[in-house]
């Protein structure tokens, strides 16, 4: 994604992660289910590193949006990625 991201202030990284999560939600809700998982994966990486519970909360709601817009496969994929990533943090 961005090579300079580790140099960003933590607050700025959190904002970027939240923005990417919201982008994924918007994509899911507007019939762009194929594009939403990519934005969500980037958001999850940032949220994991920056410990952003708001972004992670948004990502937990995303599979429902994906399923509702015909993206059941993408929703399953995202649930798996969320589970693996968050389990690894424990």
Protein backbone atom coordinates (compact mmCIF):
# COMPACT_ATOMS: atom_id res chain seq x y z
CA UNK A 1 0.00 0.00 0.00
CA UNK A 2 1.92 3.04 1.21
CA UNK A 3 5.59 2.45 1.87
CA UNK A 4 5.81 5.53 4.09
CA UNK A 5 2.85 4.47 6.25
CA UNK A 6 5.01 3.31 9.18
CA UNK A 7 6.41 6.84 9.37
CA UNK A 8 2.94 8.37 9.79
CA UNK A 9 1.70 9.47 13.19
CA UNK A 10 -0.54 6.86 14.83
CA UNK A 11 -3.56 9.19 14.67
CA UNK A 12 -3.12 9.62 10.93
CA UNK A 13 -2.83 5.86 10.42
CA UNK A 14 -6.01 5.33 12.43
CA UNK A 15 -7.81 7.90 10.27
CA UNK A 16 -6.63 6.20 7.09
CA UNK A 17 -7.74 2.80 8.39
CA UNK A 18 -11.16 4.15 9.32
CA UNK A 19 -11.49 5.82 5.92
CA UNK A 20 -10.65 2.56 4.16
CA UNK A 21 -13.18 0.69 6.28
CA UNK A 22 -15.84 3.25 5.37
CA UNK A 23 -14.83 2.94 1.71
CA UNK A 24 -15.33 -0.82 1.94
CA UNK A 25 -18.77 -0.31 3.48
CA UNK A 26 -19.73 2.15 0.74
CA UNK A 27 -18.53 -0.28 -1.92
CA UNK A 28 -20.50 -3.13 -0.34
CA UNK A 29 -23.67 -1.05 -0.12
CA UNK A 30 -23.45 0.23 -3.70
CA UNK A 31 -23.07 -3.10 -5.45
CA UNK A 32 -19.27 -3.11 -5.65
CA UNK A 33 -18.86 -6.21 -3.50
CA UNK A 34 -15.85 -7.38 -5.51
CA UNK A 35 -13.89 -4.26 -4.56
CA UNK A 36 -14.83 -4.03 -0.89
CA UNK A 37 -12.57 -6.82 0.44
CA UNK A 38 -9.41 -5.13 -0.83
CA UNK A 39 -10.15 -1.89 1.01
CA UNK A 40 -11.21 -3.92 4.05
CA UNK A 41 -7.93 -5.89 4.09
CA UNK A 42 -5.89 -2.70 4.04
CA UNK A 43 -8.07 -1.21 6.77
CA UNK A 44 -7.65 -4.33 8.90
CA UNK A 45 -3.87 -4.25 8.62
CA UNK A 46 -3.81 -0.62 9.72
CA UNK A 47 -6.40 -1.16 12.47
CA UNK A 48 -4.41 -4.10 13.83
CA UNK A 49 -1.19 -2.13 13.97
CA UNK A 50 -2.80 1.04 15.31
CA UNK A 51 -5.15 -0.79 17.72
CA UNK A 52 -8.23 0.91 16.34
CA UNK A 53 -11.33 -0.65 17.86
CA UNK A 54 -13.64 1.68 15.90
CA UNK A 55 -12.25 0.50 12.57
CA UNK A 56 -12.36 -3.14 13.62
CA UNK A 57 -15.96 -2.66 14.74
CA UNK A 58 -16.82 -1.25 11.34
CA UNK A 59 -15.13 -4.19 9.64
CA UNK A 60 -17.11 -6.67 11.76
CA UNK A 61 -20.34 -5.19 10.36
CA UNK A 62 -19.11 -5.28 6.76
CA UNK A 63 -19.85 -8.99 6.03
CA UNK A 64 -23.55 -8.34 6.64
CA UNK A 65 -23.48 -5.47 4.14
CA UNK A 66 -21.67 -7.66 1.63
CA UNK A 67 -24.17 -10.49 2.04
CA UNK A 68 -27.07 -8.06 1.63
CA UNK A 69 -25.70 -6.78 -1.66
CA UNK A 70 -25.06 -10.19 -3.21
CA UNK A 71 -21.47 -10.58 -2.04
CA UNK A 72 -21.84 -13.76 0.02
CA UNK A 73 -18.49 -15.13 -1.16
CA UNK A 74 -16.73 -11.88 -0.28
CA UNK A 75 -18.46 -11.86 3.12
CA UNK A 76 -17.17 -15.36 3.90
CA UNK A 77 -13.67 -14.38 2.79
CA UNK A 78 -13.72 -11.27 4.96
CA UNK A 79 -15.01 -13.16 8.02
CA UNK A 80 -12.12 -15.61 7.64
CA UNK A 81 -9.56 -12.81 7.32
CA UNK A 82 -11.00 -10.97 10.33
CA UNK A 83 -10.99 -14.11 12.44
CA UNK A 84 -7.41 -15.06 11.54
CA UNK A 85 -6.02 -11.57 12.00
CA UNK A 86 -7.71 -10.87 15.30
CA UNK A 87 -6.94 -14.34 16.67
CA UNK A 88 -3.26 -13.83 15.83
CA UNK A 89 -3.21 -10.63 17.90
CA UNK A 90 -4.21 -12.37 21.10
